[in-house]
Amino acid sequence: MVQERVLPSFSASQANITREEGLVVYEDMVLGRVFEDKCAEMYYRGKMFGFVHLYNGQEAVSSGVIKAMRPDDYVCSTYRDHVHALSSGVPAREVMAELFGKATGCSKGRGGSMHLFSAEHNLLGGYAFVAEGIPVATGAAFQSKYRREALGDESADQVTACFFGDGASNNGQFFECLNMAALWKLPILFVVENNKWAIGMAHDRATSQQEIYKKASVFGMAGVEVDGMDVLAVRAVAQEAVARARAGEGPTLIEALTYRFRGHSLADPDELRSKAEKEFWFARDPIKRLANYLIEQNLASADELKAIDKKIQNLIEEAVQFALESPEPDPKDLYRYVFAEDE
């Protein structure tokens, strides 16, 4: 196993989270995990087709960042986008229906697993190509700043969160967009979900500077690394970055050190990663970690958390039933939704 990086320390005393906030974050993380587990089941039962990339293990990053933002802020995802959509408020039934290719899906059955989109929830989309969402997110951040400063719209103080993996940090879009964002002080969080593997390429073999957050210094941008398996640490970093962005102080590059508990996609036999490496990260499950914290701090009881678990299980079963019963897209509508005015 490659030597693991030393993670920045984060004390529970720094968490500053209320009972209500803690339960919201816990429920969101459980929603993401249970949803993805059900996706695996449905895929292997032949209910889903194509490539399906699951997020198991990385829930602390999605919940920690998105739940630190406002509902009217923007989120831009990757091909591993289901949980980002759920954290953004897209109903589980609409995400599940999209994965089933149904007309009731959030992308009307036209996007599938890698192309979730919801204008209502300011989800700017999932993107199949590596780093493809970074320019889109940069554009969204630019329009917020332009509307506020050039058009005088004081309500245009939205922040954009742009998620991407460690592999994307070697792509040209990453460097070009970070440069523009720094030059124009755009209100954006560039969130690198460093799960150590870009499909089958280990991160330490693919880049000359393994500490991605340090690349921010080249652009005069704030850069920070965080334990991506600790939702409280991610949340604290995100809150600070969001506040800076909304105050007009520019972008932040956040490198969240995390790990995916499954293969790259459900078609990946996951034979490249060592057993020792997997066990090291499995032991740091972010959901168990938060549950222990909430119980230890008397913010919730074990029974309350079990009730949330059961609630989410029922919600996901209902989502599957909704997807199964939903209609297929009508062939006569093949050319609909091509232009923005066609809703």
Protein backbone atom coordinates (compact mmCIF):
# COMPACT_ATOMS: atom_id res chain seq x y z
CA MET A 1 0.00 0.00 0.00
CA VAL A 2 1.27 3.46 -0.88
CA GLN A 3 2.09 5.58 2.17
CA GLU A 4 -1.04 7.49 3.14
CA ARG A 5 -0.88 11.24 3.56
CA VAL A 6 -0.99 12.67 7.04
CA LEU A 7 -4.39 14.27 7.39
CA PRO A 8 -4.86 17.70 8.94
CA SER A 9 -6.17 17.39 12.49
CA PHE A 10 -9.66 18.56 13.35
CA SER A 11 -10.95 18.71 16.90
CA ALA A 12 -14.59 18.01 17.77
CA SER A 13 -14.55 21.26 19.70
CA GLN A 14 -14.17 23.09 16.39
CA ALA A 15 -17.32 21.52 14.93
CA ASN A 16 -19.82 24.16 16.10
CA ILE A 17 -22.83 22.18 14.95
CA THR A 18 -26.29 22.11 16.52
CA ARG A 19 -28.43 19.04 17.07
CA GLU A 20 -30.73 20.04 14.19
CA GLU A 21 -27.82 20.63 11.83
CA GLY A 22 -26.19 17.38 12.85
CA LEU A 23 -29.32 15.37 12.17
CA VAL A 24 -29.78 17.05 8.78
CA VAL A 25 -26.24 16.15 7.77
CA TYR A 26 -26.55 12.60 9.11
CA GLU A 27 -29.81 12.02 7.23
CA ASP A 28 -28.29 13.40 4.05
CA MET A 29 -25.29 11.08 4.30
CA VAL A 30 -27.46 8.04 5.00
CA LEU A 31 -29.67 8.99 2.07
CA GLY A 32 -26.66 9.01 -0.22
CA ARG A 33 -25.32 5.66 1.04
CA VAL A 34 -28.65 3.80 0.94
CA PHE A 35 -29.51 5.25 -2.46
CA GLU A 36 -26.22 4.04 -3.92
CA ASP A 37 -26.55 0.59 -2.38
CA LYS A 38 -29.99 0.29 -3.95
CA CYS A 39 -28.57 1.42 -7.30
CA ALA A 40 -26.07 -1.45 -7.15
CA GLU A 41 -28.89 -3.89 -6.45
CA MET A 42 -31.02 -2.55 -9.30
CA TYR A 43 -28.08 -2.55 -11.72
CA TYR A 44 -27.23 -6.17 -11.04
CA ARG A 45 -30.92 -7.05 -11.40
CA GLY A 46 -30.89 -5.53 -14.88
CA LYS A 47 -33.06 -2.50 -14.10
CA MET A 48 -30.31 0.01 -14.95
CA PHE A 49 -28.05 0.06 -17.97
CA GLY A 50 -24.87 1.72 -19.14
CA PHE A 51 -22.21 2.93 -16.74
CA VAL A 52 -23.15 3.62 -13.12
CA HIS A 53 -20.52 5.18 -10.84
CA LEU A 54 -21.32 5.02 -7.15
CA TYR A 55 -20.31 7.41 -4.38
CA ASN A 56 -20.13 5.08 -1.37
CA GLY A 57 -17.52 6.32 1.11
CA GLN A 58 -17.38 9.90 -0.15
CA GLU A 59 -20.64 11.11 1.45
CA ALA A 60 -18.91 13.47 3.88
CA VAL A 61 -17.70 15.61 0.99
CA SER A 62 -21.09 16.08 -0.66
CA SER A 63 -22.99 16.64 2.60
CA GLY A 64 -20.24 18.70 4.21
CA VAL A 65 -20.00 21.15 1.32
CA ILE A 66 -23.55 21.37 -0.02
CA LYS A 67 -25.23 21.54 3.39
CA ALA A 68 -22.93 24.48 4.20
CA MET A 69 -24.45 26.37 1.27
CA ARG A 70 -27.81 27.98 0.59
CA PRO A 71 -30.54 26.27 -1.49
CA ASP A 72 -30.17 28.97 -4.17
CA ASP A 73 -26.43 28.39 -4.56
CA TYR A 74 -25.16 26.35 -7.52
CA VAL A 75 -23.71 22.84 -7.60
CA CYS A 76 -21.81 21.35 -10.54
CA SER A 77 -21.02 17.65 -10.49
CA THR A 78 -19.18 14.88 -12.35
CA TYR A 79 -20.18 11.46 -13.67
CA ARG A 80 -20.38 10.34 -9.99
CA ASP A 81 -23.31 12.67 -9.46
CA HIS A 82 -26.21 10.88 -7.74
CA VAL A 83 -25.35 11.98 -4.21
CA HIS A 84 -24.52 15.57 -5.20
CA ALA A 85 -28.03 15.72 -6.67
CA LEU A 86 -29.61 14.32 -3.52
CA SER A 87 -27.67 16.73 -1.28
CA SER A 88 -28.85 19.57 -3.52
CA GLY A 89 -32.46 18.64 -2.81
CA VAL A 90 -33.40 16.74 -5.96
CA PRO A 91 -36.01 14.18 -4.78
CA ALA A 92 -34.74 10.60 -4.58
CA ARG A 93 -37.64 9.38 -6.71
CA GLU A 94 -36.66 11.75 -9.54
CA VAL A 95 -33.01 10.67 -9.40
CA MET A 96 -33.97 6.98 -9.32
CA ALA A 97 -36.41 7.42 -12.20
CA GLU A 98 -33.67 9.07 -14.23
CA LEU A 99 -31.38 6.12 -13.61
CA PHE A 100 -34.16 3.88 -14.87
CA GLY A 101 -34.44 6.07 -17.99
CA LYS A 102 -38.01 7.08 -17.20
CA ALA A 103 -39.91 10.19 -18.29
CA THR A 104 -40.38 11.24 -14.64
CA GLY A 105 -36.63 11.48 -14.08
CA CYS A 106 -35.00 14.81 -13.29
CA SER A 107 -33.58 14.87 -16.85
CA LYS A 108 -36.77 13.42 -18.38
CA GLY A 109 -35.07 10.07 -18.88
CA ARG A 110 -32.59 11.54 -21.34
CA GLY A 111 -29.54 11.82 -19.13
CA GLY A 112 -29.24 8.66 -17.10
CA SER A 113 -26.67 8.14 -14.38
CA MET A 114 -24.02 10.58 -15.58
CA HIS A 115 -26.18 13.50 -16.71
CA LEU A 116 -28.45 14.47 -13.84
CA PHE A 117 -29.74 18.04 -14.03
CA SER A 118 -32.27 20.14 -12.15
CA ALA A 119 -32.84 23.83 -12.84
CA GLU A 120 -35.22 23.95 -9.89
CA HIS A 121 -32.47 22.91 -7.48
CA ASN A 122 -29.62 24.81 -9.21
CA LEU A 123 -27.90 21.52 -10.06
CA LEU A 124 -25.88 22.43 -13.13
CA GLY A 125 -25.45 18.85 -14.23
CA GLY A 126 -23.40 15.73 -14.12
CA TYR A 127 -20.73 15.40 -16.83
CA ALA A 128 -19.40 12.22 -18.38
CA PHE A 129 -16.09 13.69 -19.55
CA VAL A 130 -13.41 14.28 -16.93
CA ALA A 131 -13.16 17.98 -15.93
CA GLU A 132 -16.02 18.92 -18.27
CA GLY A 133 -18.03 20.54 -15.47
CA ILE A 134 -15.25 22.89 -14.34
CA PRO A 135 -15.77 25.48 -17.13
CA VAL A 136 -19.56 25.28 -16.63
CA ALA A 137 -19.21 25.98 -12.93
CA THR A 138 -16.78 28.81 -13.61
CA GLY A 139 -19.32 30.34 -15.97
CA ALA A 140 -22.04 30.08 -13.35
CA ALA A 141 -19.84 31.84 -10.81
CA PHE A 142 -19.03 34.53 -13.38
CA GLN A 143 -22.70 35.26 -14.08
CA SER A 144 -23.37 35.69 -10.34
CA LYS A 145 -20.56 38.22 -10.05
CA TYR A 146 -21.55 39.98 -13.30
CA ARG A 147 -25.20 40.30 -12.30
CA ARG A 148 -24.24 41.71 -8.93
CA GLU A 149 -21.43 44.07 -9.92
CA ALA A 150 -22.23 45.05 -13.52
CA LEU A 151 -26.03 44.89 -13.46
CA GLY A 152 -26.50 46.03 -9.87
CA ASP A 153 -28.51 42.99 -8.77
CA GLU A 154 -27.85 42.85 -5.02
CA SER A 155 -29.63 39.48 -4.76
CA ALA A 156 -27.04 37.86 -7.03
CA ASP A 157 -24.69 36.68 -4.28
CA GLN A 158 -24.89 32.99 -5.07
CA VAL A 159 -21.83 30.79 -4.61
CA THR A 160 -20.99 27.85 -6.88
CA ALA A 161 -19.51 24.54 -5.71
CA CYS A 162 -17.63 22.65 -8.42
CA PHE A 163 -16.89 18.98 -7.65
CA PHE A 164 -14.33 16.92 -9.53
CA GLY A 165 -11.86 14.10 -8.93
CA ASP A 166 -8.11 13.96 -8.54
CA GLY A 167 -7.73 12.87 -12.18
CA ALA A 168 -9.37 16.10 -13.37
CA SER A 169 -6.69 18.17 -11.63
CA ASN A 170 -4.26 17.16 -14.39
CA ASN A 171 -6.53 18.44 -17.17
CA GLY A 172 -6.23 21.75 -18.94
CA GLN A 173 -9.68 22.99 -17.91
CA PHE A 174 -8.58 22.84 -14.28
CA PHE A 175 -5.66 25.23 -14.77
CA GLU A 176 -7.43 27.60 -17.15
CA CYS A 177 -10.51 27.95 -14.98
CA LEU A 178 -8.60 28.37 -11.72
CA ASN A 179 -6.63 31.13 -13.40
CA MET A 180 -9.77 32.95 -14.55
CA ALA A 181 -11.52 32.47 -11.22
CA ALA A 182 -8.56 33.96 -9.36
CA LEU A 183 -8.20 36.88 -11.78
CA TRP A 184 -11.86 37.82 -11.48
CA LYS A 185 -12.30 36.80 -7.81
CA LEU A 186 -15.22 34.57 -8.70
CA PRO A 187 -17.50 33.20 -5.93
CA ILE A 188 -16.65 29.53 -6.42
CA LEU A 189 -15.40 26.53 -4.46
CA PHE A 190 -13.29 24.11 -6.49
CA VAL A 191 -13.74 20.85 -4.56
CA VAL A 192 -11.31 18.06 -5.45
CA GLU A 193 -12.58 14.71 -4.23
CA ASN A 194 -9.23 12.95 -4.09
CA ASN A 195 -10.20 9.29 -3.74
CA LYS A 196 -6.68 8.20 -4.80
CA TRP A 197 -7.73 6.57 -8.05
CA ALA A 198 -8.63 7.99 -11.47
CA ILE A 199 -10.38 4.89 -12.84
CA GLY A 200 -7.39 2.53 -12.61
CA MET A 201 -4.58 5.09 -12.37
CA ALA A 202 -3.24 5.72 -8.88
CA HIS A 203 -3.03 9.43 -8.10
CA ASP A 204 0.56 9.25 -6.87
CA ARG A 205 1.66 7.87 -10.26
CA ALA A 206 -0.18 10.45 -12.33
CA THR A 207 0.86 13.86 -11.05
CA SER A 208 4.13 15.61 -10.25
CA GLN A 209 2.55 17.48 -7.31
CA GLN A 210 0.47 15.01 -5.31
CA GLU A 211 -0.85 17.63 -2.88
CA ILE A 212 -3.44 19.16 -5.16
CA TYR A 213 -4.44 21.96 -2.80
CA LYS A 214 -0.93 23.42 -3.16
CA LYS A 215 -1.63 24.12 -6.84
CA ALA A 216 -3.85 26.98 -5.67
CA SER A 217 -0.74 28.97 -4.70
CA VAL A 218 0.24 29.30 -8.36
CA PHE A 219 -2.90 31.39 -8.90
CA GLY A 220 -2.72 33.35 -5.67
CA MET A 221 -5.79 31.46 -4.53
CA ALA A 222 -6.66 30.06 -1.12
CA GLY A 223 -5.96 26.32 -0.99
CA VAL A 224 -6.78 23.92 1.82
CA GLU A 225 -6.67 20.18 2.43
CA VAL A 226 -9.24 18.45 4.60
CA ASP A 227 -10.05 14.99 5.88
CA GLY A 228 -12.78 14.02 3.42
CA MET A 229 -13.95 11.21 5.70
CA ASP A 230 -14.89 13.67 8.47
CA VAL A 231 -18.04 15.57 7.55
CA LEU A 232 -17.55 18.05 10.39
CA ALA A 233 -14.10 18.98 9.11
CA VAL A 234 -15.37 19.31 5.55
CA ARG A 235 -18.30 21.43 6.73
CA ALA A 236 -16.03 23.80 8.67
CA VAL A 237 -13.72 24.30 5.68
CA ALA A 238 -16.69 24.77 3.34
CA GLN A 239 -18.37 27.33 5.61
CA GLU A 240 -15.23 29.45 5.64
CA ALA A 241 -14.79 29.18 1.86
CA VAL A 242 -18.46 30.01 1.20
CA ALA A 243 -18.26 33.06 3.45
CA ARG A 244 -15.14 34.29 1.64
CA ALA A 245 -16.73 33.76 -1.77
CA ARG A 246 -19.96 35.51 -0.83
CA ALA A 247 -18.00 38.45 0.60
CA GLY A 248 -16.27 38.95 -2.76
CA GLU A 249 -12.92 37.60 -1.62
CA GLY A 250 -12.63 35.05 -4.40
CA PRO A 251 -12.36 31.30 -4.91
CA THR A 252 -10.97 28.48 -2.79
CA LEU A 253 -9.46 25.17 -3.86
CA ILE A 254 -10.47 22.46 -1.37
CA GLU A 255 -8.78 19.07 -1.57
CA ALA A 256 -10.88 16.52 0.32
CA LEU A 257 -8.93 13.31 0.98
CA THR A 258 -11.52 10.57 0.63
CA TYR A 259 -12.04 7.07 -0.73
CA ARG A 260 -14.64 5.25 -2.79
CA PHE A 261 -15.73 2.00 -1.20
CA ARG A 262 -16.68 0.42 -4.55
CA GLY A 263 -14.91 0.11 -7.88
CA HIS A 264 -14.73 2.96 -10.38
CA SER A 265 -18.08 1.85 -11.81
CA LEU A 266 -20.32 -1.16 -11.30
CA ALA A 267 -18.59 -2.73 -14.30
CA ASP A 268 -15.21 -2.48 -12.55
CA PRO A 269 -14.01 -5.72 -10.88
CA ASP A 270 -11.89 -3.51 -8.56
CA GLU A 271 -8.82 -5.72 -8.71
CA LEU A 272 -6.17 -2.97 -8.77
CA ARG A 273 -6.57 -1.65 -5.23
CA SER A 274 -4.94 -3.65 -2.45
CA LYS A 275 -6.91 -5.32 0.33
CA ALA A 276 -4.81 -3.45 2.92
CA GLU A 277 -5.61 -0.09 1.34
CA LYS A 278 -9.33 -0.81 1.25
CA GLU A 279 -9.41 -1.97 4.85
CA PHE A 280 -7.53 1.15 5.97
CA TRP A 281 -10.22 3.38 4.47
CA PHE A 282 -13.24 1.18 5.28
CA ALA A 283 -12.36 1.62 8.95
CA ARG A 284 -12.85 5.37 8.56
CA ASP A 285 -16.46 5.20 7.34
CA PRO A 286 -17.75 8.81 7.50
CA ILE A 287 -21.32 7.86 8.45
CA LYS A 288 -20.26 5.75 11.44
CA ARG A 289 -17.89 8.53 12.42
CA LEU A 290 -20.65 11.16 12.50
CA ALA A 291 -23.05 8.81 14.29
CA ASN A 292 -20.50 8.24 17.05
CA TYR A 293 -19.90 11.97 17.38
CA LEU A 294 -23.62 12.80 17.67
CA ILE A 295 -24.13 10.15 20.33
CA GLU A 296 -20.98 11.07 22.29
CA GLN A 297 -21.92 14.76 22.28
CA ASN A 298 -25.51 13.98 23.37
CA LEU A 299 -26.84 15.56 20.18
CA ALA A 300 -28.79 12.41 19.27
CA SER A 301 -29.52 8.95 20.63
CA ALA A 302 -28.81 5.65 18.91
CA ASP A 303 -32.56 5.07 18.62
CA GLU A 304 -33.03 8.42 16.86
CA LEU A 305 -30.35 7.57 14.34
CA LYS A 306 -31.88 4.12 13.77
CA ALA A 307 -35.23 5.82 13.13
CA ILE A 308 -33.57 7.99 10.47
CA ASP A 309 -32.00 4.90 8.92
CA LYS A 310 -35.42 3.22 8.70
CA LYS A 311 -37.03 6.37 7.31
CA ILE A 312 -34.43 6.54 4.53
CA GLN A 313 -34.81 2.82 3.74
CA ASN A 314 -38.55 3.36 3.26
CA LEU A 315 -37.92 6.47 1.15
CA ILE A 316 -35.59 4.58 -1.19
CA GLU A 317 -38.01 1.66 -1.55
CA GLU A 318 -40.69 4.17 -2.51
CA ALA A 319 -38.32 5.76 -5.01
CA VAL A 320 -37.69 2.41 -6.67
CA GLN A 321 -41.41 1.69 -6.88
CA PHE A 322 -41.99 5.13 -8.38
CA ALA A 323 -39.30 4.49 -10.97
CA LEU A 324 -40.62 1.06 -11.86
CA GLU A 325 -44.15 2.37 -12.35
CA SER A 326 -43.14 5.51 -14.27
CA PRO A 327 -43.63 5.63 -18.05
CA GLU A 328 -40.87 5.38 -20.62
CA PRO A 329 -40.18 8.59 -22.61
CA ASP A 330 -42.51 8.84 -25.61
CA PRO A 331 -40.63 8.35 -28.91
CA LYS A 332 -42.57 11.25 -30.45
CA ASP A 333 -40.83 13.54 -27.94
CA LEU A 334 -37.36 12.56 -29.14
CA TYR A 335 -36.53 16.10 -30.27
CA ARG A 336 -38.01 17.87 -27.22
CA TYR A 337 -35.83 19.58 -24.61
CA VAL A 338 -33.19 20.46 -27.18
CA PHE A 339 -33.69 24.20 -26.71
CA ALA A 340 -34.08 26.07 -23.43
CA GLU A 341 -37.54 27.40 -24.23
CA ASP A 342 -38.93 23.88 -24.68
CA GLU A 343 -39.91 22.83 -21.16
